[in-house]
PDB file of all heavy atoms in Angstrom:
ATOM      1  N   LEU A   1    -114.999 107.181 -15.181  1.00  0.00           N
ATOM      2  CA  LEU A   1    -113.549 107.087 -15.194  1.00  0.00           C
ATOM      3  C   LEU A   1    -113.057 106.834 -16.610  1.00  0.00           C
ATOM      4  O   LEU A   1    -113.608 105.985 -17.316  1.00  0.00           O
ATOM      5  CB  LEU A   1    -113.091 105.945 -14.284  1.00  0.00           C
ATOM      6  CG  LEU A   1    -113.594 105.984 -12.835  1.00  0.00           C
ATOM      7  CD1 LEU A   1    -113.241 104.690 -12.114  1.00  0.00           C
ATOM      8  CD2 LEU A   1    -113.020 107.175 -12.108  1.00  0.00           C
ATOM      9  N   VAL A   2    -112.010 107.543 -17.000  1.00  0.00           N
ATOM     10  CA  VAL A   2    -111.437 107.382 -18.340  1.00  0.00           C
ATOM     11  C   VAL A   2    -109.915 107.247 -18.208  1.00  0.00           C
ATOM     12  O   VAL A   2    -109.240 108.181 -17.769  1.00  0.00           O
ATOM     13  CB  VAL A   2    -111.779 108.562 -19.255  1.00  0.00           C
ATOM     14  CG1 VAL A   2    -111.132 108.361 -20.624  1.00  0.00           C
ATOM     15  CG2 VAL A   2    -113.286 108.725 -19.390  1.00  0.00           C
ATOM     16  N   GLU A   3    -109.409 106.081 -18.605  1.00  0.00           N
ATOM     17  CA  GLU A   3    -107.976 105.825 -18.547  1.00  0.00           C
ATOM     18  C   GLU A   3    -107.292 106.251 -19.837  1.00  0.00           C
ATOM     19  O   GLU A   3    -107.889 106.262 -20.904  1.00  0.00           O
ATOM     20  CB  GLU A   3    -107.678 104.337 -18.317  1.00  0.00           C
ATOM     21  CG  GLU A   3    -108.285 103.726 -17.076  1.00  0.00           C
ATOM     22  CD  GLU A   3    -109.567 102.995 -17.362  1.00  0.00           C
ATOM     23  OE1 GLU A   3    -110.255 103.355 -18.343  1.00  0.00           O
ATOM     24  OE2 GLU A   3    -109.909 102.061 -16.608  1.00  0.00           O
ATOM     25  N   SER A   4    -106.002 106.555 -19.723  1.00  0.00           N
ATOM     26  CA  SER A   4    -105.178 106.852 -20.889  1.00  0.00           C
ATOM     27  C   SER A   4    -103.721 106.574 -20.537  1.00  0.00           C
ATOM     28  O   SER A   4    -103.380 106.393 -19.370  1.00  0.00           O
ATOM     29  CB  SER A   4    -105.353 108.306 -21.328  1.00  0.00           C
ATOM     30  OG  SER A   4    -104.954 109.185 -20.298  1.00  0.00           O
ATOM     31  N   GLY A   5    -102.874 106.532 -21.570  1.00  0.00           N
ATOM     32  CA  GLY A   5    -101.441 106.401 -21.339  1.00  0.00           C
ATOM     33  C   GLY A   5    -100.859 105.035 -21.624  1.00  0.00           C
ATOM     34  O   GLY A   5     -99.648 104.848 -21.523  1.00  0.00           O
ATOM     35  N   GLY A   6    -101.703 104.075 -21.979  1.00  0.00           N
ATOM     36  CA  GLY A   6    -101.177 102.763 -22.295  1.00  0.00           C
ATOM     37  C   GLY A   6    -100.432 102.763 -23.624  1.00  0.00           C
ATOM     38  O   GLY A   6    -100.439 103.742 -24.367  1.00  0.00           O
ATOM     39  N   GLY A   7     -99.771 101.634 -23.899  1.00  0.00           N
ATOM     40  CA  GLY A   7     -99.043 101.523 -25.150  1.00  0.00           C
ATOM     41  C   GLY A   7     -98.060 100.381 -25.131  1.00  0.00           C
ATOM     42  O   GLY A   7     -98.095  99.524 -24.240  1.00  0.00           O
ATOM     43  N   LEU A   8     -97.171 100.392 -26.108  1.00  0.00           N
ATOM     44  CA  LEU A   8     -96.134  99.374 -26.246  1.00  0.00           C
ATOM     45  C   LEU A   8     -94.816  99.928 -25.709  1.00  0.00           C
ATOM     46  O   LEU A   8     -94.408 101.039 -26.087  1.00  0.00           O
ATOM     47  CB  LEU A   8     -95.979  98.980 -27.710  1.00  0.00           C
ATOM     48  CG  LEU A   8     -94.826  98.039 -28.063  1.00  0.00           C
ATOM     49  CD1 LEU A   8     -95.018  96.680 -27.397  1.00  0.00           C
ATOM     50  CD2 LEU A   8     -94.719  97.900 -29.576  1.00  0.00           C
ATOM     51  N   VAL A   9     -94.161  99.161 -24.857  1.00  0.00           N
ATOM     52  CA  VAL A   9     -92.893  99.597 -24.274  1.00  0.00           C
ATOM     53  C   VAL A   9     -91.958  98.396 -24.177  1.00  0.00           C
ATOM     54  O   VAL A   9     -92.417  97.259 -24.013  1.00  0.00           O
ATOM     55  CB  VAL A   9     -93.118 100.254 -22.897  1.00  0.00           C
ATOM     56  CG1 VAL A   9     -93.705  99.264 -21.909  1.00  0.00           C
ATOM     57  CG2 VAL A   9     -91.855 100.881 -22.357  1.00  0.00           C
ATOM     58  N   GLN A  10     -90.674  98.646 -24.276  1.00  0.00           N
ATOM     59  CA  GLN A  10     -89.694  97.562 -24.171  1.00  0.00           C
ATOM     60  C   GLN A  10     -89.472  97.190 -22.707  1.00  0.00           C
ATOM     61  O   GLN A  10     -89.667  98.025 -21.808  1.00  0.00           O
ATOM     62  CB  GLN A  10     -88.372  97.991 -24.794  1.00  0.00           C
ATOM     63  CG  GLN A  10     -88.427  98.163 -26.301  1.00  0.00           C
ATOM     64  CD  GLN A  10     -87.064  98.430 -26.899  1.00  0.00           C
ATOM     65  OE1 GLN A  10     -86.123  98.820 -26.209  1.00  0.00           O
ATOM     66  NE2 GLN A  10     -86.940  98.225 -28.210  1.00  0.00           N
ATOM     67  N   PRO A  11     -89.067  95.967 -22.460  1.00  0.00           N
ATOM     68  CA  PRO A  11     -88.730  95.568 -21.078  1.00  0.00           C
ATOM     69  C   PRO A  11     -87.702  96.526 -20.468  1.00  0.00           C
ATOM     70  O   PRO A  11     -86.744  96.922 -21.138  1.00  0.00           O
ATOM     71  CB  PRO A  11     -88.155  94.167 -21.249  1.00  0.00           C
ATOM     72  CG  PRO A  11     -88.815  93.646 -22.485  1.00  0.00           C
ATOM     73  CD  PRO A  11     -88.949  94.829 -23.400  1.00  0.00           C
ATOM     74  N   GLY A  12     -87.952  96.895 -19.209  1.00  0.00           N
ATOM     75  CA  GLY A  12     -87.096  97.858 -18.532  1.00  0.00           C
ATOM     76  C   GLY A  12     -87.540  99.285 -18.704  1.00  0.00           C
ATOM     77  O   GLY A  12     -87.016 100.189 -18.028  1.00  0.00           O
ATOM     78  N   GLY A  13     -88.493  99.526 -19.572  1.00  0.00           N
ATOM     79  CA  GLY A  13     -88.978 100.869 -19.831  1.00  0.00           C
ATOM     80  C   GLY A  13     -90.013 101.335 -18.825  1.00  0.00           C
ATOM     81  O   GLY A  13     -90.318 100.631 -17.854  1.00  0.00           O
ATOM     82  N   SER A  14     -90.554 102.526 -19.076  1.00  0.00           N
ATOM     83  CA  SER A  14     -91.526 103.144 -18.174  1.00  0.00           C
ATOM     84  C   SER A  14     -92.742 103.640 -18.941  1.00  0.00           C
ATOM     85  O   SER A  14     -92.645 103.976 -20.132  1.00  0.00           O
ATOM     86  CB  SER A  14     -90.880 104.333 -17.445  1.00  0.00           C
ATOM     87  OG  SER A  14     -89.789 103.931 -16.650  1.00  0.00           O
ATOM     88  N   LEU A  15     -93.853 103.687 -18.231  1.00  0.00           N
ATOM     89  CA  LEU A  15     -95.089 104.290 -18.731  1.00  0.00           C
ATOM     90  C   LEU A  15     -95.793 104.950 -17.561  1.00  0.00           C
ATOM     91  O   LEU A  15     -95.637 104.504 -16.419  1.00  0.00           O
ATOM     92  CB  LEU A  15     -96.027 103.241 -19.338  1.00  0.00           C
ATOM     93  CG  LEU A  15     -95.843 102.776 -20.772  1.00  0.00           C
ATOM     94  CD1 LEU A  15     -96.866 101.689 -21.090  1.00  0.00           C
ATOM     95  CD2 LEU A  15     -95.946 103.915 -21.751  1.00  0.00           C
ATOM     96  N   ARG A  16     -96.579 105.964 -17.856  1.00  0.00           N
ATOM     97  CA  ARG A  16     -97.429 106.554 -16.839  1.00  0.00           C
ATOM     98  C   ARG A  16     -98.875 106.535 -17.329  1.00  0.00           C
ATOM     99  O   ARG A  16     -99.190 107.127 -18.362  1.00  0.00           O
ATOM    100  CB  ARG A  16     -97.036 107.991 -16.499  1.00  0.00           C
ATOM    101  CG  ARG A  16     -97.800 108.526 -15.281  1.00  0.00           C
ATOM    102  CD  ARG A  16     -97.383 109.910 -14.849  1.00  0.00           C
ATOM    103  NE  ARG A  16     -97.988 110.957 -15.673  1.00  0.00           N
ATOM    104  CZ  ARG A  16     -98.178 112.196 -15.272  1.00  0.00           C
ATOM    105  NH1 ARG A  16     -97.807 112.565 -14.047  1.00  0.00           N
ATOM    106  NH2 ARG A  16     -98.717 113.098 -16.072  1.00  0.00           N
ATOM    107  N   LEU A  17     -99.713 105.846 -16.570  1.00  0.00           N
ATOM    108  CA  LEU A  17    -101.134 105.800 -16.862  1.00  0.00           C
ATOM    109  C   LEU A  17    -101.852 106.907 -16.109  1.00  0.00           C
ATOM    110  O   LEU A  17    -101.472 107.247 -14.985  1.00  0.00           O
ATOM    111  CB  LEU A  17    -101.722 104.444 -16.462  1.00  0.00           C
ATOM    112  CG  LEU A  17    -101.065 103.211 -17.053  1.00  0.00           C
ATOM    113  CD1 LEU A  17    -101.822 101.955 -16.601  1.00  0.00           C
ATOM    114  CD2 LEU A  17    -100.988 103.276 -18.558  1.00  0.00           C
ATOM    115  N   SER A  18    -102.907 107.420 -16.727  1.00  0.00           N
ATOM    116  CA  SER A  18    -103.750 108.425 -16.096  1.00  0.00           C
ATOM    117  C   SER A  18    -105.186 107.946 -16.066  1.00  0.00           C
ATOM    118  O   SER A  18    -105.611 107.193 -16.944  1.00  0.00           O
ATOM    119  CB  SER A  18    -103.685 109.754 -16.863  1.00  0.00           C
ATOM    120  OG  SER A  18    -102.372 110.254 -16.916  1.00  0.00           O
ATOM    121  N   CYS A  19    -105.918 108.399 -15.065  1.00  0.00           N
ATOM    122  CA  CYS A  19    -107.348 108.093 -14.960  1.00  0.00           C
ATOM    123  C   CYS A  19    -108.053 109.372 -14.542  1.00  0.00           C
ATOM    124  O   CYS A  19    -107.888 109.835 -13.416  1.00  0.00           O
ATOM    125  CB  CYS A  19    -107.582 106.983 -13.946  1.00  0.00           C
ATOM    126  SG  CYS A  19    -109.333 106.686 -13.597  1.00  0.00           S
ATOM    127  N   ALA A  20    -108.830 109.923 -15.471  1.00  0.00           N
ATOM    128  CA  ALA A  20    -109.579 111.140 -15.204  1.00  0.00           C
ATOM    129  C   ALA A  20    -110.974 110.782 -14.721  1.00  0.00           C
ATOM    130  O   ALA A  20    -111.655 109.957 -15.345  1.00  0.00           O
ATOM    131  CB  ALA A  20    -109.659 111.989 -16.465  1.00  0.00           C
ATOM    132  N   ALA A  21    -111.380 111.394 -13.631  1.00  0.00           N
ATOM    133  CA  ALA A  21    -112.668 111.084 -13.020  1.00  0.00           C
ATOM    134  C   ALA A  21    -113.599 112.284 -13.072  1.00  0.00           C
ATOM    135  O   ALA A  21    -113.172 113.427 -12.915  1.00  0.00           O
ATOM    136  CB  ALA A  21    -112.475 110.667 -11.568  1.00  0.00           C
ATOM    137  N   SER A  22    -114.877 112.013 -13.291  1.00  0.00           N
ATOM    138  CA  SER A  22    -115.891 113.060 -13.216  1.00  0.00           C
ATOM    139  C   SER A  22    -116.409 113.124 -11.781  1.00  0.00           C
ATOM    140  O   SER A  22    -116.183 112.222 -10.979  1.00  0.00           O
ATOM    141  CB  SER A  22    -117.037 112.748 -14.170  1.00  0.00           C
ATOM    142  OG  SER A  22    -117.693 111.558 -13.756  1.00  0.00           O
ATOM    143  N   GLY A  23    -117.123 114.173 -11.465  1.00  0.00           N
ATOM    144  CA  GLY A  23    -117.735 114.244 -10.143  1.00  0.00           C
ATOM    145  C   GLY A  23    -117.002 115.174  -9.199  1.00  0.00           C
ATOM    146  O   GLY A  23    -115.784 115.242  -9.203  1.00  0.00           O
ATOM    147  N   ARG A  24    -117.760 115.881  -8.383  1.00  0.00           N
ATOM    148  CA  ARG A  24    -117.186 116.878  -7.481  1.00  0.00           C
ATOM    149  C   ARG A  24    -116.657 116.281  -6.193  1.00  0.00           C
ATOM    150  O   ARG A  24    -115.992 116.957  -5.433  1.00  0.00           O
ATOM    151  CB  ARG A  24    -118.235 117.935  -7.155  1.00  0.00           C
ATOM    152  CG  ARG A  24    -118.606 118.796  -8.351  1.00  0.00           C
ATOM    153  CD  ARG A  24    -119.693 119.792  -7.989  1.00  0.00           C
ATOM    154  NE  ARG A  24    -120.958 119.129  -7.717  1.00  0.00           N
ATOM    155  CZ  ARG A  24    -122.057 119.757  -7.350  1.00  0.00           C
ATOM    156  NH1 ARG A  24    -122.041 121.061  -7.164  1.00  0.00           N
ATOM    157  NH2 ARG A  24    -123.181 119.087  -7.149  1.00  0.00           N
ATOM    158  N   THR A  25    -116.953 114.992  -5.940  1.00  0.00           N
ATOM    159  CA  THR A  25    -116.530 114.375  -4.686  1.00  0.00           C
ATOM    160  C   THR A  25    -115.368 113.417  -4.884  1.00  0.00           C
ATOM    161  O   THR A  25    -115.139 112.527  -4.073  1.00  0.00           O
ATOM    162  CB  THR A  25    -117.703 113.634  -4.035  1.00  0.00           C
ATOM    163  OG1 THR A  25    -118.186 112.641  -4.948  1.00  0.00           O
ATOM    164  CG2 THR A  25    -118.805 114.591  -3.668  1.00  0.00           C
ATOM    165  N   PHE A  26    -114.620 113.597  -5.949  1.00  0.00           N
ATOM    166  CA  PHE A  26    -113.509 112.694  -6.279  1.00  0.00           C
ATOM    167  C   PHE A  26    -112.562 112.514  -5.107  1.00  0.00           C
ATOM    168  O   PHE A  26    -112.089 111.412  -4.844  1.00  0.00           O
ATOM    169  CB  PHE A  26    -112.753 113.266  -7.481  1.00  0.00           C
ATOM    170  CG  PHE A  26    -111.429 112.608  -7.740  1.00  0.00           C
ATOM    171  CD1 PHE A  26    -111.371 111.388  -8.387  1.00  0.00           C
ATOM    172  CD2 PHE A  26    -110.250 113.203  -7.332  1.00  0.00           C
ATOM    173  CE1 PHE A  26    -110.152 110.772  -8.634  1.00  0.00           C
ATOM    174  CE2 PHE A  26    -109.027 112.610  -7.574  1.00  0.00           C
ATOM    175  CZ  PHE A  26    -108.980 111.383  -8.230  1.00  0.00           C
ATOM    176  N   SER A  27    -112.264 113.592  -4.396  1.00  0.00           N
ATOM    177  CA  SER A  27    -111.277 113.520  -3.326  1.00  0.00           C
ATOM    178  C   SER A  27    -111.697 112.589  -2.194  1.00  0.00           C
ATOM    179  O   SER A  27    -110.863 112.171  -1.392  1.00  0.00           O
ATOM    180  CB  SER A  27    -111.005 114.917  -2.774  1.00  0.00           C
ATOM    181  OG  SER A  27    -112.176 115.457  -2.199  1.00  0.00           O
ATOM    182  N   ARG A  28    -112.968 112.264  -2.118  1.00  0.00           N
ATOM    183  CA  ARG A  28    -113.475 111.407  -1.044  1.00  0.00           C
ATOM    184  C   ARG A  28    -113.444 109.920  -1.401  1.00  0.00           C
ATOM    185  O   ARG A  28    -113.775 109.085  -0.570  1.00  0.00           O
ATOM    186  CB  ARG A  28    -114.903 111.797  -0.696  1.00  0.00           C
ATOM    187  CG  ARG A  28    -115.070 113.247  -0.284  1.00  0.00           C
ATOM    188  CD  ARG A  28    -116.525 113.562  -0.032  1.00  0.00           C
ATOM    189  NE  ARG A  28    -116.742 114.984   0.198  1.00  0.00           N
ATOM    190  CZ  ARG A  28    -117.949 115.532   0.342  1.00  0.00           C
ATOM    191  NH1 ARG A  28    -119.029 114.768   0.298  1.00  0.00           N
ATOM    192  NH2 ARG A  28    -118.062 116.823   0.540  1.00  0.00           N
ATOM    193  N   TYR A  29    -113.069 109.598  -2.639  1.00  0.00           N
ATOM    194  CA  TYR A  29    -113.140 108.229  -3.104  1.00  0.00           C
ATOM    195  C   TYR A  29    -111.817 107.490  -2.938  1.00  0.00           C
ATOM    196  O   TYR A  29    -110.743 108.050  -3.142  1.00  0.00           O
ATOM    197  CB  TYR A  29    -113.527 108.197  -4.586  1.00  0.00           C
ATOM    198  CG  TYR A  29    -115.004 108.378  -4.828  1.00  0.00           C
ATOM    199  CD1 TYR A  29    -115.615 109.610  -4.643  1.00  0.00           C
ATOM    200  CD2 TYR A  29    -115.786 107.314  -5.247  1.00  0.00           C
ATOM    201  CE1 TYR A  29    -116.971 109.782  -4.859  1.00  0.00           C
ATOM    202  CE2 TYR A  29    -117.145 107.470  -5.476  1.00  0.00           C
ATOM    203  CZ  TYR A  29    -117.727 108.713  -5.276  1.00  0.00           C
ATOM    204  OH  TYR A  29    -119.064 108.872  -5.489  1.00  0.00           O
ATOM    205  N   ALA A  30    -111.923 106.215  -2.566  1.00  0.00           N
ATOM    206  CA  ALA A  30    -110.788 105.313  -2.700  1.00  0.00           C
ATOM    207  C   ALA A  30    -110.608 105.022  -4.186  1.00  0.00           C
ATOM    208  O   ALA A  30    -111.575 104.780  -4.894  1.00  0.00           O
ATOM    209  CB  ALA A  30    -111.055 104.021  -1.946  1.00  0.00           C
ATOM    210  N   MET A  31    -109.356 105.054  -4.652  1.00  0.00           N
ATOM    211  CA  MET A  31    -109.062 104.852  -6.061  1.00  0.00           C
ATOM    212  C   MET A  31    -108.035 103.746  -6.215  1.00  0.00           C
ATOM    213  O   MET A  31    -107.168 103.565  -5.345  1.00  0.00           O
ATOM    214  CB  MET A  31    -108.504 106.141  -6.680  1.00  0.00           C
ATOM    215  CG  MET A  31    -109.400 107.354  -6.565  1.00  0.00           C
ATOM    216  SD  MET A  31    -110.929 107.201  -7.503  1.00  0.00           S
ATOM    217  CE  MET A  31    -110.291 107.091  -9.171  1.00  0.00           C
ATOM    218  N   ALA A  32    -108.116 103.034  -7.323  1.00  0.00           N
ATOM    219  CA  ALA A  32    -107.218 101.887  -7.492  1.00  0.00           C
ATOM    220  C   ALA A  32    -106.967 101.594  -8.963  1.00  0.00           C
ATOM    221  O   ALA A  32    -107.685 102.063  -9.841  1.00  0.00           O
ATOM    222  CB  ALA A  32    -107.816 100.655  -6.825  1.00  0.00           C
ATOM    223  N   TRP A  33    -105.932 100.808  -9.180  1.00  0.00           N
ATOM    224  CA  TRP A  33    -105.625 100.236 -10.487  1.00  0.00           C
ATOM    225  C   TRP A  33    -105.654  98.719 -10.372  1.00  0.00           C
ATOM    226  O   TRP A  33    -105.104  98.150  -9.413  1.00  0.00           O
ATOM    227  CB  TRP A  33    -104.248 100.678 -10.973  1.00  0.00           C
ATOM    228  CG  TRP A  33    -104.163 102.117 -11.362  1.00  0.00           C
ATOM    229  CD1 TRP A  33    -103.728 103.152 -10.585  1.00  0.00           C
ATOM    230  CD2 TRP A  33    -104.508 102.691 -12.623  1.00  0.00           C
ATOM    231  NE1 TRP A  33    -103.798 104.336 -11.277  1.00  0.00           N
ATOM    232  CE2 TRP A  33    -104.265 104.081 -12.535  1.00  0.00           C
ATOM    233  CE3 TRP A  33    -105.001 102.169 -13.816  1.00  0.00           C
ATOM    234  CZ2 TRP A  33    -104.498 104.959 -13.604  1.00  0.00           C
ATOM    235  CZ3 TRP A  33    -105.224 103.032 -14.877  1.00  0.00           C
ATOM    236  CH2 TRP A  33    -104.972 104.412 -14.761  1.00  0.00           C
ATOM    237  N   PHE A  34    -106.283  98.090 -11.354  1.00  0.00           N
ATOM    238  CA  PHE A  34    -106.280  96.639 -11.499  1.00  0.00           C
ATOM    239  C   PHE A  34    -105.785  96.321 -12.904  1.00  0.00           C
ATOM    240  O   PHE A  34    -105.733  97.198 -13.773  1.00  0.00           O
ATOM    241  CB  PHE A  34    -107.690  96.072 -11.307  1.00  0.00           C
ATOM    242  CG  PHE A  34    -108.173  96.106  -9.881  1.00  0.00           C
ATOM    243  CD1 PHE A  34    -108.643  97.285  -9.314  1.00  0.00           C
ATOM    244  CD2 PHE A  34    -108.148  94.957  -9.098  1.00  0.00           C
ATOM    245  CE1 PHE A  34    -109.082  97.323  -7.994  1.00  0.00           C
ATOM    246  CE2 PHE A  34    -108.585  94.982  -7.785  1.00  0.00           C
ATOM    247  CZ  PHE A  34    -109.053  96.177  -7.244  1.00  0.00           C
ATOM    248  N   ARG A  35    -105.440  95.076 -13.130  1.00  0.00           N
ATOM    249  CA  ARG A  35    -105.053  94.664 -14.473  1.00  0.00           C
ATOM    250  C   ARG A  35    -105.556  93.270 -14.754  1.00  0.00           C
ATOM    251  O   ARG A  35    -105.759  92.467 -13.827  1.00  0.00           O
ATOM    252  CB  ARG A  35    -103.533  94.732 -14.661  1.00  0.00           C
ATOM    253  CG  ARG A  35    -102.727  93.766 -13.785  1.00  0.00           C
ATOM    254  CD  ARG A  35    -101.234  94.059 -13.937  1.00  0.00           C
ATOM    255  NE  ARG A  35    -100.410  93.153 -13.151  1.00  0.00           N
ATOM    256  CZ  ARG A  35     -99.090  93.270 -13.017  1.00  0.00           C
ATOM    257  NH1 ARG A  35     -98.442  94.265 -13.611  1.00  0.00           N
ATOM    258  NH2 ARG A  35     -98.417  92.387 -12.284  1.00  0.00           N
ATOM    259  N   GLN A  36    -105.742  93.004 -16.036  1.00  0.00           N
ATOM    260  CA  GLN A  36    -106.282  91.710 -16.439  1.00  0.00           C
ATOM    261  C   GLN A  36    -105.643  91.269 -17.738  1.00  0.00           C
ATOM    262  O   GLN A  36    -105.637  92.020 -18.729  1.00  0.00           O
ATOM    263  CB  GLN A  36    -107.805  91.799 -16.609  1.00  0.00           C
ATOM    264  CG  GLN A  36    -108.480  90.467 -16.826  1.00  0.00           C
ATOM    265  CD  GLN A  36    -109.984  90.570 -16.691  1.00  0.00           C
ATOM    266  OE1 GLN A  36    -110.566  91.642 -16.824  1.00  0.00           O
ATOM    267  NE2 GLN A  36    -110.630  89.447 -16.415  1.00  0.00           N
ATOM    268  N   SER A  37    -105.117  90.051 -17.724  1.00  0.00           N
ATOM    269  CA  SER A  37    -104.558  89.437 -18.921  1.00  0.00           C
ATOM    270  C   SER A  37    -105.571  88.449 -19.475  1.00  0.00           C
ATOM    271  O   SER A  37    -106.430  87.970 -18.735  1.00  0.00           O
ATOM    272  CB  SER A  37    -103.257  88.699 -18.583  1.00  0.00           C
ATOM    273  OG  SER A  37    -102.317  89.596 -18.020  1.00  0.00           O
TER     274      SER A  37
END
């Protein structure tokens, strides 16, 4: 898995993160986002 799209944004703004996955069975996987401070 490779994430992209992060950055600096002002309060009230928007961002879109992407996660590109390898493997031919991607559609069968549960996928999620977590965060850590």
